[in-house]
PDB file of N, CA and C in Angstrom:
ATOM      1  N   MET A   1     -54.063  26.149 118.045  1.00  0.00           N
ATOM      2  CA  MET A   1     -54.827  27.370 118.106  1.00  0.00           C
ATOM      3  C   MET A   1     -56.258  27.074 117.662  1.00  0.00           C
ATOM      4  N   GLY A   2     -57.185  27.866 118.132  1.00  0.00           N
ATOM      5  CA  GLY A   2     -58.581  27.693 117.770  1.00  0.00           C
ATOM      6  C   GLY A   2     -59.480  28.071 118.924  1.00  0.00           C
ATOM      7  N   ALA A   3     -60.756  27.833 118.731  1.00  0.00           N
ATOM      8  CA  ALA A   3     -61.741  28.093 119.775  1.00  0.00           C
ATOM      9  C   ALA A   3     -61.573  27.064 120.893  1.00  0.00           C
ATOM     10  N   PRO A   4     -62.152  27.336 122.067  1.00  0.00           N
ATOM     11  CA  PRO A   4     -62.038  26.367 123.163  1.00  0.00           C
ATOM     12  C   PRO A   4     -62.463  24.947 122.767  1.00  0.00           C
ATOM     13  N   VAL A   5     -63.504  24.826 121.957  1.00  0.00           N
ATOM     14  CA  VAL A   5     -63.946  23.490 121.540  1.00  0.00           C
ATOM     15  C   VAL A   5     -62.886  22.832 120.652  1.00  0.00           C
ATOM     16  N   ASP A   6     -62.182  23.623 119.833  1.00  0.00           N
ATOM     17  CA  ASP A   6     -61.117  23.073 119.001  1.00  0.00           C
ATOM     18  C   ASP A   6     -59.982  22.552 119.871  1.00  0.00           C
ATOM     19  N   LEU A   7     -59.600  23.343 120.864  1.00  0.00           N
ATOM     20  CA  LEU A   7     -58.521  22.932 121.760  1.00  0.00           C
ATOM     21  C   LEU A   7     -58.897  21.666 122.521  1.00  0.00           C
ATOM     22  N   ALA A   8     -60.137  21.582 122.968  1.00  0.00           N
ATOM     23  CA  ALA A   8     -60.592  20.402 123.706  1.00  0.00           C
ATOM     24  C   ALA A   8     -60.638  19.163 122.817  1.00  0.00           C
ATOM     25  N   ASP A   9     -61.059  19.329 121.557  1.00  0.00           N
ATOM     26  CA  ASP A   9     -61.206  18.187 120.653  1.00  0.00           C
ATOM     27  C   ASP A   9     -59.909  17.801 119.956  1.00  0.00           C
ATOM     28  N   GLY A  10     -58.930  18.711 119.914  1.00  0.00           N
ATOM     29  CA  GLY A  10     -57.652  18.394 119.296  1.00  0.00           C
ATOM     30  C   GLY A  10     -57.598  18.647 117.799  1.00  0.00           C
ATOM     31  N   PHE A  11     -58.562  19.363 117.257  1.00  0.00           N
ATOM     32  CA  PHE A  11     -58.558  19.724 115.845  1.00  0.00           C
ATOM     33  C   PHE A  11     -59.372  20.994 115.664  1.00  0.00           C
ATOM     34  N   ILE A  12     -59.204  21.635 114.494  1.00  0.00           N
ATOM     35  CA  ILE A  12     -59.970  22.840 114.190  1.00  0.00           C
ATOM     36  C   ILE A  12     -61.217  22.431 113.420  1.00  0.00           C
ATOM     37  N   HIS A  13     -62.381  22.826 113.928  1.00  0.00           N
ATOM     38  CA  HIS A  13     -63.651  22.539 113.265  1.00  0.00           C
ATOM     39  C   HIS A  13     -63.879  23.531 112.132  1.00  0.00           C
ATOM     40  N   PHE A  14     -64.188  23.028 110.956  1.00  0.00           N
ATOM     41  CA  PHE A  14     -64.568  23.848 109.816  1.00  0.00           C
ATOM     42  C   PHE A  14     -65.991  23.495 109.415  1.00  0.00           C
ATOM     43  N   SER A  15     -66.596  24.360 108.642  1.00  0.00           N
ATOM     44  CA  SER A  15     -67.893  24.089 108.011  1.00  0.00           C
ATOM     45  C   SER A  15     -67.778  24.464 106.548  1.00  0.00           C
ATOM     46  N   THR A  16     -68.521  23.766 105.712  1.00  0.00           N
ATOM     47  CA  THR A  16     -68.592  24.140 104.303  1.00  0.00           C
ATOM     48  C   THR A  16     -69.542  25.322 104.163  1.00  0.00           C
ATOM     49  N   ALA A  17     -69.559  25.936 102.996  1.00  0.00           N
ATOM     50  CA  ALA A  17     -70.467  27.062 102.756  1.00  0.00           C
ATOM     51  C   ALA A  17     -71.918  26.655 103.005  1.00  0.00           C
ATOM     52  N   SER A  18     -72.279  25.443 102.648  1.00  0.00           N
ATOM     53  CA  SER A  18     -73.663  25.004 102.844  1.00  0.00           C
ATOM     54  C   SER A  18     -73.974  24.671 104.303  1.00  0.00           C
ATOM     55  N   GLN A  19     -72.968  24.546 105.145  1.00  0.00           N
ATOM     56  CA  GLN A  19     -73.158  24.236 106.560  1.00  0.00           C
ATOM     57  C   GLN A  19     -73.072  25.469 107.461  1.00  0.00           C
ATOM     58  N   LEU A  20     -72.622  26.595 106.921  1.00  0.00           N
ATOM     59  CA  LEU A  20     -72.336  27.783 107.734  1.00  0.00           C
ATOM     60  C   LEU A  20     -73.515  28.296 108.545  1.00  0.00           C
ATOM     61  N   VAL A  21     -74.646  28.477 107.903  1.00  0.00           N
ATOM     62  CA  VAL A  21     -75.792  29.084 108.585  1.00  0.00           C
ATOM     63  C   VAL A  21     -76.218  28.239 109.783  1.00  0.00           C
ATOM     64  N   GLU A  22     -76.325  26.937 109.585  1.00  0.00           N
ATOM     65  CA  GLU A  22     -76.732  26.052 110.680  1.00  0.00           C
ATOM     66  C   GLU A  22     -75.683  26.005 111.789  1.00  0.00           C
ATOM     67  N   THR A  23     -74.409  25.954 111.421  1.00  0.00           N
ATOM     68  CA  THR A  23     -73.346  25.923 112.423  1.00  0.00           C
ATOM     69  C   THR A  23     -73.357  27.188 113.270  1.00  0.00           C
ATOM     70  N   ALA A  24     -73.486  28.337 112.623  1.00  0.00           N
ATOM     71  CA  ALA A  24     -73.512  29.612 113.362  1.00  0.00           C
ATOM     72  C   ALA A  24     -74.699  29.665 114.309  1.00  0.00           C
ATOM     73  N   ALA A  25     -75.869  29.242 113.845  1.00  0.00           N
ATOM     74  CA  ALA A  25     -77.066  29.281 114.686  1.00  0.00           C
ATOM     75  C   ALA A  25     -76.966  28.314 115.862  1.00  0.00           C
ATOM     76  N   LYS A  26     -76.390  27.151 115.618  1.00  0.00           N
ATOM     77  CA  LYS A  26     -76.330  26.118 116.656  1.00  0.00           C
ATOM     78  C   LYS A  26     -75.248  26.374 117.701  1.00  0.00           C
ATOM     79  N   HIS A  27     -74.086  26.830 117.258  1.00  0.00           N
ATOM     80  CA  HIS A  27     -72.939  26.931 118.169  1.00  0.00           C
ATOM     81  C   HIS A  27     -72.531  28.351 118.553  1.00  0.00           C
ATOM     82  N   PHE A  28     -73.014  29.356 117.801  1.00  0.00           N
ATOM     83  CA  PHE A  28     -72.561  30.721 118.036  1.00  0.00           C
ATOM     84  C   PHE A  28     -73.709  31.725 118.067  1.00  0.00           C
ATOM     85  N   ALA A  29     -74.900  31.288 118.410  1.00  0.00           N
ATOM     86  CA  ALA A  29     -76.079  32.158 118.408  1.00  0.00           C
ATOM     87  C   ALA A  29     -75.850  33.407 119.251  1.00  0.00           C
ATOM     88  N   GLY A  30     -76.145  34.559 118.651  1.00  0.00           N
ATOM     89  CA  GLY A  30     -76.067  35.824 119.361  1.00  0.00           C
ATOM     90  C   GLY A  30     -74.682  36.400 119.561  1.00  0.00           C
ATOM     91  N   GLN A  31     -73.620  35.669 119.209  1.00  0.00           N
ATOM     92  CA  GLN A  31     -72.259  36.184 119.400  1.00  0.00           C
ATOM     93  C   GLN A  31     -71.972  37.277 118.384  1.00  0.00           C
ATOM     94  N   THR A  32     -71.387  38.367 118.868  1.00  0.00           N
ATOM     95  CA  THR A  32     -71.139  39.515 118.005  1.00  0.00           C
ATOM     96  C   THR A  32     -69.670  39.697 117.646  1.00  0.00           C
ATOM     97  N   ASP A  33     -68.785  38.902 118.197  1.00  0.00           N
ATOM     98  CA  ASP A  33     -67.350  39.105 117.989  1.00  0.00           C
ATOM     99  C   ASP A  33     -66.732  38.049 117.072  1.00  0.00           C
ATOM    100  N   LEU A  34     -67.505  37.529 116.133  1.00  0.00           N
ATOM    101  CA  LEU A  34     -67.027  36.438 115.286  1.00  0.00           C
ATOM    102  C   LEU A  34     -66.424  36.947 113.986  1.00  0.00           C
ATOM    103  N   LEU A  35     -65.485  36.170 113.469  1.00  0.00           N
ATOM    104  CA  LEU A  35     -64.919  36.405 112.146  1.00  0.00           C
ATOM    105  C   LEU A  35     -65.221  35.193 111.281  1.00  0.00           C
ATOM    106  N   LEU A  36     -65.562  35.446 110.037  1.00  0.00           N
ATOM    107  CA  LEU A  36     -65.736  34.384 109.063  1.00  0.00           C
ATOM    108  C   LEU A  36     -64.443  34.309 108.263  1.00  0.00           C
ATOM    109  N   ILE A  37     -63.830  33.135 108.261  1.00  0.00           N
ATOM    110  CA  ILE A  37     -62.560  32.941 107.575  1.00  0.00           C
ATOM    111  C   ILE A  37     -62.767  31.923 106.469  1.00  0.00           C
ATOM    112  N   ALA A  38     -62.570  32.355 105.236  1.00  0.00           N
ATOM    113  CA  ALA A  38     -62.671  31.460 104.086  1.00  0.00           C
ATOM    114  C   ALA A  38     -61.286  30.887 103.807  1.00  0.00           C
ATOM    115  N   VAL A  39     -61.236  29.575 103.615  1.00  0.00           N
ATOM    116  CA  VAL A  39     -59.970  28.869 103.454  1.00  0.00           C
ATOM    117  C   VAL A  39     -60.019  28.026 102.183  1.00  0.00           C
ATOM    118  N   ASP A  40     -58.899  27.971 101.465  1.00  0.00           N
ATOM    119  CA  ASP A  40     -58.761  27.078 100.322  1.00  0.00           C
ATOM    120  C   ASP A  40     -58.419  25.694 100.858  1.00  0.00           C
ATOM    121  N   ALA A  41     -59.426  24.842 100.921  1.00  0.00           N
ATOM    122  CA  ALA A  41     -59.249  23.511 101.507  1.00  0.00           C
ATOM    123  C   ALA A  41     -58.191  22.698 100.782  1.00  0.00           C
ATOM    124  N   GLY A  42     -58.037  22.922  99.491  1.00  0.00           N
ATOM    125  CA  GLY A  42     -57.055  22.183  98.719  1.00  0.00           C
ATOM    126  C   GLY A  42     -55.619  22.426  99.149  1.00  0.00           C
ATOM    127  N   GLN A  43     -55.379  23.541  99.812  1.00  0.00           N
ATOM    128  CA  GLN A  43     -54.026  23.847 100.274  1.00  0.00           C
ATOM    129  C   GLN A  43     -53.702  23.218 101.631  1.00  0.00           C
ATOM    130  N   LEU A  44     -54.673  22.612 102.274  1.00  0.00           N
ATOM    131  CA  LEU A  44     -54.450  22.096 103.626  1.00  0.00           C
ATOM    132  C   LEU A  44     -53.905  20.674 103.646  1.00  0.00           C
ATOM    133  N   GLY A  45     -53.949  20.002 102.513  1.00  0.00           N
ATOM    134  CA  GLY A  45     -53.363  18.667 102.405  1.00  0.00           C
ATOM    135  C   GLY A  45     -54.057  17.628 103.274  1.00  0.00           C
ATOM    136  N   PRO A  46     -53.306  16.580 103.628  1.00  0.00           N
ATOM    137  CA  PRO A  46     -53.899  15.454 104.357  1.00  0.00           C
ATOM    138  C   PRO A  46     -54.278  15.771 105.806  1.00  0.00           C
ATOM    139  N   ALA A  47     -53.878  16.941 106.315  1.00  0.00           N
ATOM    140  CA  ALA A  47     -54.277  17.310 107.680  1.00  0.00           C
ATOM    141  C   ALA A  47     -55.773  17.599 107.760  1.00  0.00           C
ATOM    142  N   LEU A  48     -56.401  17.876 106.598  1.00  0.00           N
ATOM    143  CA  LEU A  48     -57.847  18.123 106.556  1.00  0.00           C
ATOM    144  C   LEU A  48     -58.556  16.800 106.288  1.00  0.00           C
ATOM    145  N   THR A  49     -59.411  16.425 107.228  1.00  0.00           N
ATOM    146  CA  THR A  49     -60.171  15.183 107.066  1.00  0.00           C
ATOM    147  C   THR A  49     -61.662  15.499 107.136  1.00  0.00           C
ATOM    148  N   TRP A  50     -62.454  14.631 106.531  1.00  0.00           N
ATOM    149  CA  TRP A  50     -63.908  14.786 106.516  1.00  0.00           C
ATOM    150  C   TRP A  50     -64.487  13.686 107.394  1.00  0.00           C
ATOM    151  N   GLU A  51     -65.185  14.111 108.448  1.00  0.00           N
ATOM    152  CA  GLU A  51     -65.688  13.149 109.420  1.00  0.00           C
ATOM    153  C   GLU A  51     -67.174  13.378 109.661  1.00  0.00           C
ATOM    154  N   PRO A  52     -67.903  12.287 109.906  1.00  0.00           N
ATOM    155  CA  PRO A  52     -69.345  12.432 110.130  1.00  0.00           C
ATOM    156  C   PRO A  52     -69.653  13.079 111.474  1.00  0.00           C
ATOM    157  N   SER A  53     -70.671  13.926 111.471  1.00  0.00           N
ATOM    158  CA  SER A  53     -71.164  14.517 112.717  1.00  0.00           C
ATOM    159  C   SER A  53     -72.180  13.564 113.318  1.00  0.00           C
ATOM    160  N   ARG A  54     -72.741  13.963 114.442  1.00  0.00           N
ATOM    161  CA  ARG A  54     -73.768  13.122 115.077  1.00  0.00           C
ATOM    162  C   ARG A  54     -74.948  12.888 114.140  1.00  0.00           C
ATOM    163  N   GLY A  55     -75.246  13.870 113.270  1.00  0.00           N
ATOM    164  CA  GLY A  55     -76.351  13.739 112.332  1.00  0.00           C
ATOM    165  C   GLY A  55     -75.982  13.025 111.043  1.00  0.00           C
ATOM    166  N   GLY A  56     -74.701  12.692 110.884  1.00  0.00           N
ATOM    167  CA  GLY A  56     -74.262  11.967 109.707  1.00  0.00           C
ATOM    168  C   GLY A  56     -73.663  12.828 108.613  1.00  0.00           C
ATOM    169  N   ASP A  57     -73.845  14.160 108.672  1.00  0.00           N
ATOM    170  CA  ASP A  57     -73.225  15.039 107.680  1.00  0.00           C
ATOM    171  C   ASP A  57     -71.711  14.996 107.848  1.00  0.00           C
ATOM    172  N   LEU A  58     -70.993  15.117 106.752  1.00  0.00           N
ATOM    173  CA  LEU A  58     -69.536  15.163 106.811  1.00  0.00           C
ATOM    174  C   LEU A  58     -69.072  16.596 107.030  1.00  0.00           C
ATOM    175  N   PHE A  59     -68.224  16.772 108.027  1.00  0.00           N
ATOM    176  CA  PHE A  59     -67.658  18.085 108.336  1.00  0.00           C
ATOM    177  C   PHE A  59     -66.142  18.017 108.203  1.00  0.00           C
ATOM    178  N   PRO A  60     -65.532  19.092 107.686  1.00  0.00           N
ATOM    179  CA  PRO A  60     -64.072  19.129 107.594  1.00  0.00           C
ATOM    180  C   PRO A  60     -63.442  19.481 108.938  1.00  0.00           C
ATOM    181  N   HIS A  61     -62.408  18.734 109.291  1.00  0.00           N
ATOM    182  CA  HIS A  61     -61.660  18.967 110.524  1.00  0.00           C
ATOM    183  C   HIS A  61     -60.182  19.044 110.164  1.00  0.00           C
ATOM    184  N   LEU A  62     -59.497  20.037 110.713  1.00  0.00           N
ATOM    185  CA  LEU A  62     -58.073  20.210 110.442  1.00  0.00           C
ATOM    186  C   LEU A  62     -57.270  19.729 111.637  1.00  0.00           C
ATOM    187  N   TYR A  63     -56.494  18.665 111.426  1.00  0.00           N
ATOM    188  CA  TYR A  63     -55.626  18.110 112.456  1.00  0.00           C
ATOM    189  C   TYR A  63     -54.215  18.653 112.259  1.00  0.00           C
ATOM    190  N   GLY A  64     -54.029  19.875 112.686  1.00  0.00           N
ATOM    191  CA  GLY A  64     -52.737  20.528 112.556  1.00  0.00           C
ATOM    192  C   GLY A  64     -52.952  22.021 112.511  1.00  0.00           C
ATOM    193  N   PRO A  65     -51.867  22.765 112.408  1.00  0.00           N
ATOM    194  CA  PRO A  65     -51.995  24.223 112.375  1.00  0.00           C
ATOM    195  C   PRO A  65     -52.591  24.688 111.048  1.00  0.00           C
ATOM    196  N   LEU A  66     -53.282  25.810 111.085  1.00  0.00           N
ATOM    197  CA  LEU A  66     -53.831  26.416 109.881  1.00  0.00           C
ATOM    198  C   LEU A  66     -52.725  27.205 109.183  1.00  0.00           C
ATOM    199  N   ASP A  67     -52.366  26.783 107.982  1.00  0.00           N
ATOM    200  CA  ASP A  67     -51.388  27.509 107.182  1.00  0.00           C
ATOM    201  C   ASP A  67     -52.063  28.788 106.689  1.00  0.00           C
ATOM    202  N   LEU A  68     -51.593  29.926 107.142  1.00  0.00           N
ATOM    203  CA  LEU A  68     -52.247  31.196 106.822  1.00  0.00           C
ATOM    204  C   LEU A  68     -52.225  31.516 105.331  1.00  0.00           C
ATOM    205  N   SER A  69     -51.347  30.886 104.567  1.00  0.00           N
ATOM    206  CA  SER A  69     -51.356  31.113 103.124  1.00  0.00           C
ATOM    207  C   SER A  69     -52.593  30.488 102.467  1.00  0.00           C
ATOM    208  N   ALA A  70     -53.295  29.612 103.177  1.00  0.00           N
ATOM    209  CA  ALA A  70     -54.525  29.003 102.660  1.00  0.00           C
ATOM    210  C   ALA A  70     -55.755  29.887 102.904  1.00  0.00           C
ATOM    211  N   VAL A  71     -55.599  30.942 103.700  1.00  0.00           N
ATOM    212  CA  VAL A  71     -56.723  31.829 104.013  1.00  0.00           C
ATOM    213  C   VAL A  71     -56.997  32.737 102.811  1.00  0.00           C
ATOM    214  N   LEU A  72     -58.241  32.693 102.336  1.00  0.00           N
ATOM    215  CA  LEU A  72     -58.653  33.493 101.179  1.00  0.00           C
ATOM    216  C   LEU A  72     -59.177  34.864 101.586  1.00  0.00           C
ATOM    217  N   ARG A  73     -59.927  34.903 102.690  1.00  0.00           N
ATOM    218  CA  ARG A  73     -60.444  36.184 103.180  1.00  0.00           C
ATOM    219  C   ARG A  73     -60.887  36.026 104.626  1.00  0.00           C
ATOM    220  N   VAL A  74     -60.926  37.171 105.313  1.00  0.00           N
ATOM    221  CA  VAL A  74     -61.393  37.246 106.693  1.00  0.00           C
ATOM    222  C   VAL A  74     -62.344  38.433 106.753  1.00  0.00           C
ATOM    223  N   GLU A  75     -63.529  38.211 107.318  1.00  0.00           N
ATOM    224  CA  GLU A  75     -64.507  39.296 107.427  1.00  0.00           C
ATOM    225  C   GLU A  75     -65.316  39.135 108.701  1.00  0.00           C
ATOM    226  N   PRO A  76     -65.773  40.243 109.270  1.00  0.00           N
ATOM    227  CA  PRO A  76     -66.627  40.152 110.458  1.00  0.00           C
ATOM    228  C   PRO A  76     -67.929  39.446 110.107  1.00  0.00           C
ATOM    229  N   LEU A  77     -68.440  38.699 111.058  1.00  0.00           N
ATOM    230  CA  LEU A  77     -69.715  38.003 110.874  1.00  0.00           C
ATOM    231  C   LEU A  77     -70.759  38.735 111.710  1.00  0.00           C
ATOM    232  N   ALA A  78     -71.453  39.658 111.073  1.00  0.00           N
ATOM    233  CA  ALA A  78     -72.405  40.529 111.759  1.00  0.00           C
ATOM    234  C   ALA A  78     -73.729  39.828 112.021  1.00  0.00           C
ATOM    235  N   LEU A  79     -74.420  40.330 113.041  1.00  0.00           N
ATOM    236  CA  LEU A  79     -75.776  39.869 113.319  1.00  0.00           C
ATOM    237  C   LEU A  79     -76.764  40.720 112.535  1.00  0.00           C
ATOM    238  N   GLY A  80     -77.778  40.077 111.986  1.00  0.00           N
ATOM    239  CA  GLY A  80     -78.838  40.796 111.307  1.00  0.00           C
ATOM    240  C   GLY A  80     -79.843  41.339 112.308  1.00  0.00           C
ATOM    241  N   LEU A  81     -80.810  42.071 111.810  1.00  0.00           N
ATOM    242  CA  LEU A  81     -81.858  42.631 112.668  1.00  0.00           C
ATOM    243  C   LEU A  81     -82.664  41.549 113.373  1.00  0.00           C
ATOM    244  N   ASP A  82     -82.700  40.357 112.782  1.00  0.00           N
ATOM    245  CA  ASP A  82     -83.440  39.241 113.375  1.00  0.00           C
ATOM    246  C   ASP A  82     -82.637  38.498 114.442  1.00  0.00           C
ATOM    247  N   GLY A  83     -81.380  38.940 114.697  1.00  0.00           N
ATOM    248  CA  GLY A  83     -80.542  38.305 115.713  1.00  0.00           C
ATOM    249  C   GLY A  83     -79.746  37.110 115.204  1.00  0.00           C
ATOM    250  N   ARG A  84     -79.919  36.776 113.931  1.00  0.00           N
ATOM    251  CA  ARG A  84     -79.155  35.677 113.330  1.00  0.00           C
ATOM    252  C   ARG A  84     -77.978  36.267 112.565  1.00  0.00           C
ATOM    253  N   HIS A  85     -76.947  35.488 112.398  1.00  0.00           N
ATOM    254  CA  HIS A  85     -75.782  35.967 111.670  1.00  0.00           C
ATOM    255  C   HIS A  85     -76.133  36.194 110.202  1.00  0.00           C
ATOM    256  N   ASN A  86     -75.529  37.234 109.644  1.00  0.00           N
ATOM    257  CA  ASN A  86     -75.797  37.651 108.282  1.00  0.00           C
ATOM    258  C   ASN A  86     -74.706  37.106 107.355  1.00  0.00           C
ATOM    259  N   PHE A  87     -75.113  36.375 106.331  1.00  0.00           N
ATOM    260  CA  PHE A  87     -74.191  35.800 105.355  1.00  0.00           C
ATOM    261  C   PHE A  87     -74.524  36.354 103.961  1.00  0.00           C
ATOM    262  N   PRO A  88     -74.213  37.620 103.706  1.00  0.00           N
ATOM    263  CA  PRO A  88     -74.633  38.225 102.442  1.00  0.00           C
ATOM    264  C   PRO A  88     -74.027  37.550 101.210  1.00  0.00           C
ATOM    265  N   HIS A  89     -72.844  36.985 101.348  1.00  0.00           N
ATOM    266  CA  HIS A  89     -72.187  36.342 100.200  1.00  0.00           C
ATOM    267  C   HIS A  89     -72.857  35.027  99.814  1.00  0.00           C
ATOM    268  N   LEU A  90     -73.735  34.472 100.661  1.00  0.00           N
ATOM    269  CA  LEU A  90     -74.435  33.221 100.351  1.00  0.00           C
ATOM    270  C   LEU A  90     -75.770  33.462  99.655  1.00  0.00           C
ATOM    271  N   LYS A  91     -76.214  34.708  99.619  1.00  0.00           N
ATOM    272  CA  LYS A  91     -77.505  35.011  99.003  1.00  0.00           C
ATOM    273  C   LYS A  91     -77.344  35.099  97.491  1.00  0.00           C
ATOM    274  N   PRO A  92     -78.377  34.636  96.754  1.00  0.00           N
ATOM    275  CA  PRO A  92     -78.271  34.641  95.273  1.00  0.00           C
ATOM    276  C   PRO A  92     -78.217  36.051  94.723  1.00  0.00           C
TER     277      PRO A  92
END
């Protein structure tokens, strides 16, 4: 299960909190039907691996199904007035 890119790649792409804004802007710009799902990475075990992206940053990838008991929260990812996704929980 996952987005089309996840199905094509064979794993679920995750981003860390510090990677969220850039990931949303790069891969999901302007999309209004997104959900932000926070996951306890520690509960995912060895199926979660950290792999370098083209830019060298390490991104978490889940090679297996997402255990729903690891999900901490699910919330809509709204667009702000500027057309970028709004991440109010990341603001100081």
